[in-house]
C-alpha atoms as a PDB file:
ATOM      1  CA  MET A   1     -27.214 100.296 -94.428  1.00  0.00           C
ATOM      2  CA  ILE A   2     -28.608 102.213 -97.367  1.00  0.00           C
ATOM      3  CA  PRO A   3     -29.061  99.931-100.393  1.00  0.00           C
ATOM      4  CA  THR A   4     -27.273 100.657-103.628  1.00  0.00           C
ATOM      5  CA  PHE A   5     -29.486 101.216-106.646  1.00  0.00           C
ATOM      6  CA  LEU A   6     -29.346 101.952-110.355  1.00  0.00           C
ATOM      7  CA  GLY A   7     -25.908 100.376-110.468  1.00  0.00           C
ATOM      8  CA  LEU A   8     -24.449 103.296-108.501  1.00  0.00           C
ATOM      9  CA  SER A   9     -21.731 102.992-105.915  1.00  0.00           C
ATOM     10  CA  GLU A  10     -22.585 102.987-102.216  1.00  0.00           C
ATOM     11  CA  PHE A  11     -21.371 106.607-101.960  1.00  0.00           C
ATOM     12  CA  TRP A  12     -23.715 107.920-104.687  1.00  0.00           C
ATOM     13  CA  SER A  13     -26.659 105.830-103.491  1.00  0.00           C
ATOM     14  CA  THR A  14     -26.188 107.262 -99.995  1.00  0.00           C
ATOM     15  CA  ALA A  15     -25.793 110.821-101.317  1.00  0.00           C
ATOM     16  CA  ILE A  16     -28.981 110.530-103.400  1.00  0.00           C
ATOM     17  CA  THR A  17     -30.882 109.020-100.454  1.00  0.00           C
ATOM     18  CA  ILE A  18     -29.785 111.895 -98.206  1.00  0.00           C
ATOM     19  CA  LEU A  19     -30.797 114.445-100.852  1.00  0.00           C
ATOM     20  CA  ILE A  20     -34.217 112.794-101.271  1.00  0.00           C
ATOM     21  CA  GLY A  21     -34.652 112.792 -97.491  1.00  0.00           C
ATOM     22  CA  ILE A  22     -33.705 116.447 -97.062  1.00  0.00           C
ATOM     23  CA  VAL A  23     -35.973 117.679 -99.870  1.00  0.00           C
ATOM     24  CA  GLY A  24     -38.782 115.377 -98.691  1.00  0.00           C
ATOM     25  CA  ALA A  25     -38.462 116.722 -95.141  1.00  0.00           C
ATOM     26  CA  ALA A  26     -38.515 120.273 -96.516  1.00  0.00           C
ATOM     27  CA  ARG A  27     -41.759 119.520 -98.362  1.00  0.00           C
ATOM     28  CA  LEU A  28     -43.272 117.917 -95.262  1.00  0.00           C
ATOM     29  CA  THR A  29     -42.297 121.011 -93.267  1.00  0.00           C
ATOM     30  CA  ARG A  30     -43.911 123.331 -95.790  1.00  0.00           C
ATOM     31  CA  LEU A  31     -47.010 121.144 -95.903  1.00  0.00           C
ATOM     32  CA  ILE A  32     -47.472 121.302 -92.131  1.00  0.00           C
ATOM     33  CA  VAL A  33     -46.421 124.922 -91.549  1.00  0.00           C
ATOM     34  CA  ASN A  34     -47.625 126.835 -94.625  1.00  0.00           C
ATOM     35  CA  ASP A  35     -49.918 124.955 -96.987  1.00  0.00           C
ATOM     36  CA  ASP A  36     -53.666 125.408 -97.396  1.00  0.00           C
ATOM     37  CA  PHE A  37     -54.412 121.719 -97.986  1.00  0.00           C
ATOM     38  CA  PRO A  38     -57.747 121.195 -96.144  1.00  0.00           C
ATOM     39  CA  PRO A  39     -56.686 118.274 -93.885  1.00  0.00           C
ATOM     40  CA  VAL A  40     -53.591 120.247 -92.851  1.00  0.00           C
ATOM     41  CA  LEU A  41     -55.664 123.385 -92.212  1.00  0.00           C
ATOM     42  CA  TRP A  42     -57.968 121.285 -90.029  1.00  0.00           C
ATOM     43  CA  PHE A  43     -54.992 119.844 -88.121  1.00  0.00           C
ATOM     44  CA  ARG A  44     -53.406 123.282 -87.621  1.00  0.00           C
ATOM     45  CA  SER A  45     -56.672 124.735 -86.346  1.00  0.00           C
ATOM     46  CA  ARG A  46     -56.962 121.845 -83.842  1.00  0.00           C
ATOM     47  CA  TRP A  47     -53.323 122.373 -82.866  1.00  0.00           C
ATOM     48  CA  ASN A  48     -53.953 126.089 -82.330  1.00  0.00           C
ATOM     49  CA  TRP A  49     -56.950 125.269 -80.157  1.00  0.00           C
ATOM     50  CA  TRP A  50     -55.054 122.655 -78.089  1.00  0.00           C
ATOM     51  CA  THR A  51     -52.101 125.009 -77.596  1.00  0.00           C
ATOM     52  CA  ARG A  52     -54.032 128.277 -77.310  1.00  0.00           C
ATOM     53  CA  GLU A  53     -52.946 130.992 -74.924  1.00  0.00           C
ATOM     54  CA  GLY A  54     -53.852 130.222 -71.340  1.00  0.00           C
ATOM     55  CA  THR A  55     -53.465 126.448 -71.648  1.00  0.00           C
ATOM     56  CA  ARG A  56     -50.563 124.518 -70.186  1.00  0.00           C
ATOM     57  CA  PHE A  57     -49.472 123.666 -73.745  1.00  0.00           C
ATOM     58  CA  GLU A  58     -49.291 127.225 -75.110  1.00  0.00           C
ATOM     59  CA  ALA A  59     -45.487 127.072 -75.388  1.00  0.00           C
ATOM     60  CA  TRP A  60     -45.937 124.321 -78.015  1.00  0.00           C
ATOM     61  CA  ASN A  61     -48.077 126.471 -80.314  1.00  0.00           C
ATOM     62  CA  LYS A  62     -45.143 127.777 -82.334  1.00  0.00           C
ATOM     63  CA  LEU A  63     -44.105 124.245 -83.352  1.00  0.00           C
ATOM     64  CA  MET A  64     -46.669 124.079 -86.171  1.00  0.00           C
ATOM     65  CA  GLN A  65     -46.213 127.730 -87.184  1.00  0.00           C
ATOM     66  CA  CYS A  66     -42.422 127.920 -87.566  1.00  0.00           C
ATOM     67  CA  PRO A  67     -40.439 126.054 -90.257  1.00  0.00           C
ATOM     68  CA  TRP A  68     -37.284 126.352 -88.147  1.00  0.00           C
ATOM     69  CA  CYS A  69     -39.078 124.686 -85.243  1.00  0.00           C
ATOM     70  CA  PHE A  70     -40.879 121.960 -87.190  1.00  0.00           C
ATOM     71  CA  GLY A  71     -38.122 121.308 -89.746  1.00  0.00           C
ATOM     72  CA  TYR A  72     -35.946 119.524 -87.199  1.00  0.00           C
ATOM     73  CA  TRP A  73     -38.780 117.164 -86.295  1.00  0.00           C
ATOM     74  CA  ALA A  74     -39.762 116.586 -89.924  1.00  0.00           C
ATOM     75  CA  THR A  75     -36.180 115.629 -90.732  1.00  0.00           C
ATOM     76  CA  LEU A  76     -36.040 113.336 -87.700  1.00  0.00           C
ATOM     77  CA  ILE A  77     -39.320 111.683 -88.749  1.00  0.00           C
ATOM     78  CA  VAL A  78     -38.242 111.244 -92.384  1.00  0.00           C
ATOM     79  CA  PHE A  79     -34.807 109.788 -91.654  1.00  0.00           C
ATOM     80  CA  GLY A  80     -36.073 107.849 -88.634  1.00  0.00           C
ATOM     81  CA  ALA A  81     -38.705 106.191 -90.831  1.00  0.00           C
ATOM     82  CA  GLY A  82     -36.035 105.364 -93.409  1.00  0.00           C
ATOM     83  CA  PHE A  83     -33.774 103.823 -90.811  1.00  0.00           C
ATOM     84  CA  ALA A  84     -36.641 101.946 -89.105  1.00  0.00           C
ATOM     85  CA  SER A  85     -37.836 100.516 -92.434  1.00  0.00           C
ATOM     86  CA  ALA A  86     -34.304  99.529 -93.453  1.00  0.00           C
ATOM     87  CA  TRP A  87     -34.711 101.967 -96.374  1.00  0.00           C
ATOM     88  CA  HIS A  88     -37.630  99.992 -97.784  1.00  0.00           C
ATOM     89  CA  LEU A  89     -38.942 100.829-101.249  1.00  0.00           C
ATOM     90  CA  ALA A  90     -42.061 102.323 -99.620  1.00  0.00           C
ATOM     91  CA  TRP A  91     -39.859 104.951 -97.919  1.00  0.00           C
ATOM     92  CA  PHE A  92     -38.402 105.944-101.283  1.00  0.00           C
ATOM     93  CA  LEU A  93     -41.888 106.130-102.836  1.00  0.00           C
ATOM     94  CA  VAL A  94     -43.410 108.296-100.074  1.00  0.00           C
ATOM     95  CA  VAL A  95     -40.437 110.553 -99.368  1.00  0.00           C
ATOM     96  CA  GLY A  96     -39.436 110.621-103.030  1.00  0.00           C
ATOM     97  CA  SER A  97     -42.920 111.789-104.010  1.00  0.00           C
ATOM     98  CA  LEU A  98     -42.724 114.556-101.386  1.00  0.00           C
ATOM     99  CA  ALA A  99     -39.305 115.580-102.720  1.00  0.00           C
ATOM    100  CA  ALA A 100     -40.374 115.407-106.363  1.00  0.00           C
ATOM    101  CA  SER A 101     -43.534 117.438-105.745  1.00  0.00           C
ATOM    102  CA  TYR A 102     -41.522 120.103-103.925  1.00  0.00           C
ATOM    103  CA  ALA A 103     -38.916 120.263-106.691  1.00  0.00           C
ATOM    104  CA  THR A 104     -41.625 120.430-109.356  1.00  0.00           C
ATOM    105  CA  SER A 105     -43.510 123.238-107.598  1.00  0.00           C
ATOM    106  CA  TRP A 106     -40.311 125.171-106.958  1.00  0.00           C
ATOM    107  CA  ILE A 107     -39.286 124.940-110.617  1.00  0.00           C
ATOM    108  CA  VAL A 108     -42.716 126.025-111.875  1.00  0.00           C
ATOM    109  CA  TYR A 109     -42.882 128.884-109.364  1.00  0.00           C
ATOM    110  CA  HIS A 110     -39.464 130.171-110.423  1.00  0.00           C
ATOM    111  CA  ASP A 111     -40.050 129.656-114.140  1.00  0.00           C
ATOM    112  CA  GLU A 112     -40.513 133.037-115.800  1.00  0.00           C
ATOM    113  CA  ASP A 113     -43.871 131.959-117.261  1.00  0.00           C
ATOM    114  CA  GLY A 114     -45.149 130.176-114.157  1.00  0.00           C
ATOM    115  CA  ALA A 115     -44.448 132.774-111.473  1.00  0.00           C
ATOM    116  CA  PRO A 116     -47.617 134.116-109.867  1.00  0.00           C
ATOM    117  CA  GLN A 117     -48.506 137.650-110.861  1.00  0.00           C
END
């Protein structure tokens, strides 16, 4: 059961938790599939080598290249971790920071002054 917080009803606490989870999973998906963060680049290059053409795992290559493919698994991981931890504060801190960083970047990117030229 998702805990209530900030004096909100169970409905609103659940709705906010689901929203945090969805946005956090979206950020995790973007991190794995698109970002240039060096540890992720290293992991993707290893993944591409392990699943290169001609290996028995080549059908798995697209998993780390496609947000539609990886997004399902990111969402499963995020909500599975929440459920397994009984919605521990640590889940809210990790997934909430992913969600907040994605929201912040999205706002800055779409701000008229912050959009890349």
